[in-house]
């Protein structure tokens, strides 16, 4: 991955995290998934939300990433 002065790796991670579709490459999508679940774990621990709400949110996040991965697999395989 080449970066310019105005294009930092953290900026790429943030833009990949906020897009509706998958990241351009499989490793970048894995980084988005890992960082999202780490952030979710930290927020869940600090907020001390009931386990039911944490489970529902985790299931929604996992479903979102499963769909992103399925769409991305088609795109990543074509390159």
C-alpha atoms as a PDB file:
ATOM      1  CA  UNK A   1       0.000   0.000   0.000  1.00  0.00           C
ATOM      2  CA  UNK A   2       1.472   3.321  -1.025  1.00  0.00           C
ATOM      3  CA  UNK A   3       0.615   6.407   0.914  1.00  0.00           C
ATOM      4  CA  UNK A   4       1.137  10.069   0.265  1.00  0.00           C
ATOM      5  CA  UNK A   5       1.543  12.842   2.791  1.00  0.00           C
ATOM      6  CA  UNK A   6      -2.211  13.401   2.874  1.00  0.00           C
ATOM      7  CA  UNK A   7      -3.165   9.716   2.792  1.00  0.00           C
ATOM      8  CA  UNK A   8      -2.373   8.018   6.098  1.00  0.00           C
ATOM      9  CA  UNK A   9      -3.032   4.324   6.881  1.00  0.00           C
ATOM     10  CA  UNK A  10      -5.297   5.373   9.770  1.00  0.00           C
ATOM     11  CA  UNK A  11      -7.299   7.524   7.375  1.00  0.00           C
ATOM     12  CA  UNK A  12      -7.655   4.530   5.051  1.00  0.00           C
ATOM     13  CA  UNK A  13      -8.867   2.369   7.949  1.00  0.00           C
ATOM     14  CA  UNK A  14     -11.427   4.983   8.954  1.00  0.00           C
ATOM     15  CA  UNK A  15     -12.709   5.408   5.406  1.00  0.00           C
ATOM     16  CA  UNK A  16     -12.906   1.620   4.955  1.00  0.00           C
ATOM     17  CA  UNK A  17     -14.841   1.360   8.235  1.00  0.00           C
ATOM     18  CA  UNK A  18     -17.388   3.996   7.274  1.00  0.00           C
ATOM     19  CA  UNK A  19     -18.210   2.832   3.766  1.00  0.00           C
ATOM     20  CA  UNK A  20     -21.311   0.732   3.118  1.00  0.00           C
ATOM     21  CA  UNK A  21     -19.510  -1.745   0.890  1.00  0.00           C
ATOM     22  CA  UNK A  22     -16.442  -3.836   1.637  1.00  0.00           C
ATOM     23  CA  UNK A  23     -12.878  -2.555   1.742  1.00  0.00           C
ATOM     24  CA  UNK A  24     -10.909  -2.740  -1.525  1.00  0.00           C
ATOM     25  CA  UNK A  25      -8.801  -5.697  -0.378  1.00  0.00           C
ATOM     26  CA  UNK A  26      -9.319  -8.720   1.871  1.00  0.00           C
ATOM     27  CA  UNK A  27      -6.599  -7.748   4.421  1.00  0.00           C
ATOM     28  CA  UNK A  28      -8.061  -4.259   4.791  1.00  0.00           C
ATOM     29  CA  UNK A  29     -11.512  -5.752   5.414  1.00  0.00           C
ATOM     30  CA  UNK A  30     -10.038  -8.053   8.082  1.00  0.00           C
ATOM     31  CA  UNK A  31      -8.447  -5.011   9.751  1.00  0.00           C
ATOM     32  CA  UNK A  32     -11.819  -3.236   9.728  1.00  0.00           C
ATOM     33  CA  UNK A  33     -13.565  -6.258  11.265  1.00  0.00           C
ATOM     34  CA  UNK A  34     -10.969  -6.670  14.019  1.00  0.00           C
ATOM     35  CA  UNK A  35     -10.855  -2.982  14.913  1.00  0.00           C
ATOM     36  CA  UNK A  36     -14.656  -2.739  14.966  1.00  0.00           C
ATOM     37  CA  UNK A  37     -15.036  -5.675  17.354  1.00  0.00           C
ATOM     38  CA  UNK A  38     -12.262  -4.356  19.612  1.00  0.00           C
ATOM     39  CA  UNK A  39     -13.963  -0.958  19.730  1.00  0.00           C
ATOM     40  CA  UNK A  40     -17.328  -2.627  20.349  1.00  0.00           C
ATOM     41  CA  UNK A  41     -15.841  -4.647  23.227  1.00  0.00           C
ATOM     42  CA  UNK A  42     -14.382  -1.536  24.827  1.00  0.00           C
ATOM     43  CA  UNK A  43     -17.658   0.379  24.521  1.00  0.00           C
ATOM     44  CA  UNK A  44     -19.687  -2.562  25.859  1.00  0.00           C
ATOM     45  CA  UNK A  45     -17.359  -2.910  28.854  1.00  0.00           C
ATOM     46  CA  UNK A  46     -17.378   0.804  29.676  1.00  0.00           C
ATOM     47  CA  UNK A  47     -21.122   1.253  29.183  1.00  0.00           C
ATOM     48  CA  UNK A  48     -21.947  -1.879  31.205  1.00  0.00           C
ATOM     49  CA  UNK A  49     -24.996  -2.501  29.031  1.00  0.00           C
ATOM     50  CA  UNK A  50     -27.265  -5.475  29.733  1.00  0.00           C
ATOM     51  CA  UNK A  51     -26.078  -8.683  28.098  1.00  0.00           C
ATOM     52  CA  UNK A  52     -29.188  -8.889  25.910  1.00  0.00           C
ATOM     53  CA  UNK A  53     -28.414  -5.551  24.267  1.00  0.00           C
ATOM     54  CA  UNK A  54     -24.759  -6.482  23.837  1.00  0.00           C
ATOM     55  CA  UNK A  55     -25.735  -9.786  22.211  1.00  0.00           C
ATOM     56  CA  UNK A  56     -28.191  -8.095  19.844  1.00  0.00           C
ATOM     57  CA  UNK A  57     -25.632  -5.456  18.858  1.00  0.00           C
ATOM     58  CA  UNK A  58     -22.916  -8.099  18.340  1.00  0.00           C
ATOM     59  CA  UNK A  59     -25.262 -10.147  16.145  1.00  0.00           C
ATOM     60  CA  UNK A  60     -26.130  -7.073  14.073  1.00  0.00           C
ATOM     61  CA  UNK A  61     -22.452  -6.214  13.603  1.00  0.00           C
ATOM     62  CA  UNK A  62     -21.589  -9.806  12.667  1.00  0.00           C
ATOM     63  CA  UNK A  63     -24.446  -9.901  10.134  1.00  0.00           C
ATOM     64  CA  UNK A  64     -23.286  -6.631   8.606  1.00  0.00           C
ATOM     65  CA  UNK A  65     -19.739  -7.933   8.216  1.00  0.00           C
ATOM     66  CA  UNK A  66     -20.930 -11.268   6.822  1.00  0.00           C
ATOM     67  CA  UNK A  67     -22.788  -9.403   4.091  1.00  0.00           C
ATOM     68  CA  UNK A  68     -19.792  -7.131   3.443  1.00  0.00           C
ATOM     69  CA  UNK A  69     -17.521 -10.183   3.233  1.00  0.00           C
ATOM     70  CA  UNK A  70     -19.850 -11.971   0.791  1.00  0.00           C
ATOM     71  CA  UNK A  71     -20.032  -8.931  -1.470  1.00  0.00           C
ATOM     72  CA  UNK A  72     -16.289  -8.353  -1.178  1.00  0.00           C
ATOM     73  CA  UNK A  73     -15.428 -11.973  -2.000  1.00  0.00           C
ATOM     74  CA  UNK A  74     -17.013 -11.551  -5.395  1.00  0.00           C
ATOM     75  CA  UNK A  75     -15.103  -8.308  -5.979  1.00  0.00           C
ATOM     76  CA  UNK A  76     -11.765  -9.498  -4.586  1.00  0.00           C
ATOM     77  CA  UNK A  77     -11.853 -12.670  -6.698  1.00  0.00           C
ATOM     78  CA  UNK A  78     -12.256 -10.726  -9.943  1.00  0.00           C
ATOM     79  CA  UNK A  79      -8.924  -8.906  -9.626  1.00  0.00           C
END
